[in-house]
Amino acid sequence: MDLPKIAVVLMLVAIVVALFSGMFFMLKDGSDKRRTVRALTWRVGLQVGLIAFLVLAYFMGWIQPHSIGQ
């Protein structure tokens, strides 16, 4: 695996971790809702960063789409 693919996988793992931490804070931490909002804000920020990275990697030629069904 080369570096852009590893970066994508790590960002996906970080997004899932932020999503589940937001769910945990929402269900278990009734006193402080800021932790839930902060975790979900991280998730959205990571997703925007992942999309920007994928667009950049495509235009730089680091990743190529594969041709399924051709």
N, C-alpha and C. Protein backbone atom coordinates (compact mmCIF):
# COMPACT_ATOMS: atom_id res chain seq x y z
N MET A 1 0.85 -1.19 0.00
CA MET A 1 0.00 0.00 0.00
C MET A 1 0.88 1.24 0.00
N ASP A 2 0.45 2.22 -0.75
CA ASP A 2 1.23 3.43 -0.70
C ASP A 2 0.58 4.45 0.24
N LEU A 3 1.27 5.55 0.44
CA LEU A 3 0.93 6.52 1.48
C LEU A 3 -0.47 7.12 1.36
N PRO A 4 -0.96 7.52 0.18
CA PRO A 4 -2.32 8.08 0.13
C PRO A 4 -3.40 7.09 0.57
N LYS A 5 -3.23 5.83 0.24
CA LYS A 5 -4.23 4.84 0.66
C LYS A 5 -4.21 4.63 2.17
N ILE A 6 -3.03 4.66 2.74
CA ILE A 6 -2.92 4.53 4.20
C ILE A 6 -3.56 5.74 4.88
N ALA A 7 -3.35 6.93 4.32
CA ALA A 7 -3.94 8.15 4.88
C ALA A 7 -5.47 8.09 4.82
N VAL A 8 -6.01 7.58 3.73
CA VAL A 8 -7.47 7.46 3.61
C VAL A 8 -8.02 6.49 4.65
N VAL A 9 -7.37 5.37 4.81
CA VAL A 9 -7.83 4.37 5.80
C VAL A 9 -7.74 4.95 7.21
N LEU A 10 -6.67 5.64 7.54
CA LEU A 10 -6.54 6.24 8.87
C LEU A 10 -7.60 7.31 9.12
N MET A 11 -7.89 8.10 8.10
CA MET A 11 -8.93 9.11 8.27
C MET A 11 -10.31 8.47 8.44
N LEU A 12 -10.58 7.39 7.72
CA LEU A 12 -11.85 6.68 7.90
C LEU A 12 -11.97 6.10 9.31
N VAL A 13 -10.88 5.55 9.82
CA VAL A 13 -10.90 5.03 11.20
C VAL A 13 -11.14 6.16 12.19
N ALA A 14 -10.50 7.31 11.98
CA ALA A 14 -10.69 8.46 12.87
C ALA A 14 -12.14 8.96 12.81
N ILE A 15 -12.75 8.94 11.64
CA ILE A 15 -14.15 9.35 11.50
C ILE A 15 -15.06 8.42 12.28
N VAL A 16 -14.82 7.12 12.18
CA VAL A 16 -15.65 6.15 12.90
C VAL A 16 -15.46 6.30 14.41
N VAL A 17 -14.23 6.53 14.85
CA VAL A 17 -13.97 6.73 16.29
C VAL A 17 -14.69 7.97 16.79
N ALA A 18 -14.64 9.07 16.03
CA ALA A 18 -15.32 10.29 16.44
C ALA A 18 -16.84 10.09 16.46
N LEU A 19 -17.35 9.33 15.52
CA LEU A 19 -18.79 9.06 15.48
C LEU A 19 -19.22 8.27 16.72
N PHE A 20 -18.48 7.22 17.06
CA PHE A 20 -18.86 6.41 18.21
C PHE A 20 -18.61 7.13 19.53
N SER A 21 -17.59 7.99 19.59
CA SER A 21 -17.41 8.76 20.82
C SER A 21 -18.55 9.76 20.99
N GLY A 22 -19.02 10.36 19.90
CA GLY A 22 -20.18 11.24 20.00
C GLY A 22 -21.41 10.49 20.47
N MET A 23 -21.60 9.28 19.96
CA MET A 23 -22.73 8.47 20.40
C MET A 23 -22.61 8.11 21.87
N PHE A 24 -21.40 7.76 22.31
CA PHE A 24 -21.19 7.42 23.71
C PHE A 24 -21.48 8.62 24.62
N PHE A 25 -20.96 9.79 24.24
CA PHE A 25 -21.20 10.99 25.05
C PHE A 25 -22.68 11.35 25.07
N MET A 26 -23.37 11.15 23.96
CA MET A 26 -24.79 11.47 23.90
C MET A 26 -25.61 10.55 24.81
N LEU A 27 -25.23 9.28 24.87
CA LEU A 27 -26.00 8.32 25.66
C LEU A 27 -25.61 8.31 27.13
N LYS A 28 -24.34 8.48 27.45
CA LYS A 28 -23.87 8.28 28.82
C LYS A 28 -23.60 9.57 29.57
N ASP A 29 -23.31 10.65 28.88
CA ASP A 29 -22.91 11.89 29.55
C ASP A 29 -24.04 12.90 29.44
N GLY A 30 -24.99 12.82 30.35
CA GLY A 30 -26.15 13.69 30.29
C GLY A 30 -25.91 15.11 30.76
N SER A 31 -24.82 15.35 31.49
CA SER A 31 -24.62 16.66 32.10
C SER A 31 -23.97 17.66 31.16
N ASP A 32 -23.08 17.21 30.28
CA ASP A 32 -22.31 18.13 29.45
C ASP A 32 -22.50 17.78 27.97
N LYS A 33 -23.33 18.54 27.30
CA LYS A 33 -23.61 18.27 25.88
C LYS A 33 -22.51 18.81 24.98
N ARG A 34 -21.62 19.63 25.52
CA ARG A 34 -20.54 20.17 24.69
C ARG A 34 -19.61 19.08 24.19
N ARG A 35 -19.42 18.02 24.96
CA ARG A 35 -18.54 16.93 24.51
C ARG A 35 -19.14 16.22 23.31
N THR A 36 -20.45 16.06 23.28
CA THR A 36 -21.11 15.45 22.13
C THR A 36 -20.94 16.31 20.90
N VAL A 37 -21.20 17.59 21.05
CA VAL A 37 -21.08 18.52 19.92
C VAL A 37 -19.63 18.58 19.43
N ARG A 38 -18.69 18.58 20.35
CA ARG A 38 -17.27 18.62 19.96
C ARG A 38 -16.88 17.36 19.19
N ALA A 39 -17.33 16.19 19.64
CA ALA A 39 -17.00 14.94 18.95
C ALA A 39 -17.63 14.90 17.55
N LEU A 40 -18.86 15.36 17.42
CA LEU A 40 -19.50 15.36 16.12
C LEU A 40 -18.92 16.43 15.20
N THR A 41 -18.46 17.53 15.78
CA THR A 41 -17.77 18.55 14.99
C THR A 41 -16.46 18.01 14.43
N TRP A 42 -15.74 17.26 15.24
CA TRP A 42 -14.52 16.61 14.75
C TRP A 42 -14.83 15.67 13.60
N ARG A 43 -15.94 14.93 13.71
CA ARG A 43 -16.31 13.99 12.67
C ARG A 43 -16.59 14.71 11.35
N VAL A 44 -17.34 15.78 11.44
CA VAL A 44 -17.66 16.53 10.22
C VAL A 44 -16.39 17.14 9.62
N GLY A 45 -15.53 17.68 10.48
CA GLY A 45 -14.27 18.25 10.00
C GLY A 45 -13.37 17.21 9.34
N LEU A 46 -13.32 16.03 9.92
CA LEU A 46 -12.54 14.95 9.32
C LEU A 46 -13.12 14.51 7.98
N GLN A 47 -14.43 14.49 7.88
CA GLN A 47 -15.05 14.11 6.61
C GLN A 47 -14.76 15.15 5.52
N VAL A 48 -14.84 16.42 5.87
CA VAL A 48 -14.52 17.47 4.90
C VAL A 48 -13.05 17.37 4.49
N GLY A 49 -12.19 17.12 5.47
CA GLY A 49 -10.77 16.94 5.16
C GLY A 49 -10.51 15.73 4.28
N LEU A 50 -11.24 14.64 4.51
CA LEU A 50 -11.08 13.45 3.69
C LEU A 50 -11.51 13.71 2.25
N ILE A 51 -12.63 14.39 2.07
CA ILE A 51 -13.09 14.71 0.71
C ILE A 51 -12.08 15.62 0.02
N ALA A 52 -11.58 16.62 0.72
CA ALA A 52 -10.58 17.52 0.13
C ALA A 52 -9.31 16.75 -0.23
N PHE A 53 -8.89 15.83 0.64
CA PHE A 53 -7.70 15.03 0.36
C PHE A 53 -7.91 14.14 -0.86
N LEU A 54 -9.10 13.52 -0.98
CA LEU A 54 -9.38 12.66 -2.12
C LEU A 54 -9.39 13.45 -3.43
N VAL A 55 -9.95 14.65 -3.41
CA VAL A 55 -9.94 15.48 -4.62
C VAL A 55 -8.51 15.87 -4.98
N LEU A 56 -7.74 16.28 -3.99
CA LEU A 56 -6.34 16.65 -4.22
C LEU A 56 -5.54 15.47 -4.74
N ALA A 57 -5.72 14.31 -4.12
CA ALA A 57 -4.97 13.12 -4.53
C ALA A 57 -5.34 12.69 -5.94
N TYR A 58 -6.60 12.86 -6.31
CA TYR A 58 -7.01 12.52 -7.67
C TYR A 58 -6.36 13.45 -8.69
N PHE A 59 -6.41 14.75 -8.42
CA PHE A 59 -5.84 15.70 -9.37
C PHE A 59 -4.32 15.65 -9.42
N MET A 60 -3.68 15.23 -8.35
CA MET A 60 -2.22 15.10 -8.34
C MET A 60 -1.78 13.76 -8.95
N GLY A 61 -2.73 12.86 -9.18
CA GLY A 61 -2.40 11.57 -9.77
C GLY A 61 -1.94 10.52 -8.77
N TRP A 62 -2.15 10.78 -7.50
CA TRP A 62 -1.74 9.82 -6.47
C TRP A 62 -2.68 8.62 -6.42
N ILE A 63 -3.95 8.85 -6.72
CA ILE A 63 -4.93 7.76 -6.73
C ILE A 63 -5.63 7.77 -8.09
N GLN A 64 -6.08 6.61 -8.51
CA GLN A 64 -6.78 6.46 -9.79
C GLN A 64 -8.07 5.69 -9.55
N PRO A 65 -9.17 6.11 -10.15
CA PRO A 65 -10.38 5.30 -10.02
C PRO A 65 -10.23 4.02 -10.84
N HIS A 66 -10.81 2.94 -10.37
CA HIS A 66 -10.72 1.69 -11.12
C HIS A 66 -11.98 1.53 -11.97
N SER A 67 -11.87 0.70 -12.97
CA SER A 67 -12.98 0.57 -13.92
C SER A 67 -13.72 -0.74 -13.66
N ILE A 68 -14.75 -0.66 -12.86
CA ILE A 68 -15.59 -1.83 -12.60
C ILE A 68 -16.62 -1.91 -13.72
N GLY A 69 -16.79 -3.07 -14.27
CA GLY A 69 -17.80 -3.29 -15.28
C GLY A 69 -17.40 -2.91 -16.69
N GLN A 70 -16.16 -2.64 -16.93
CA GLN A 70 -15.71 -2.29 -18.29
C GLN A 70 -14.88 -3.40 -18.85
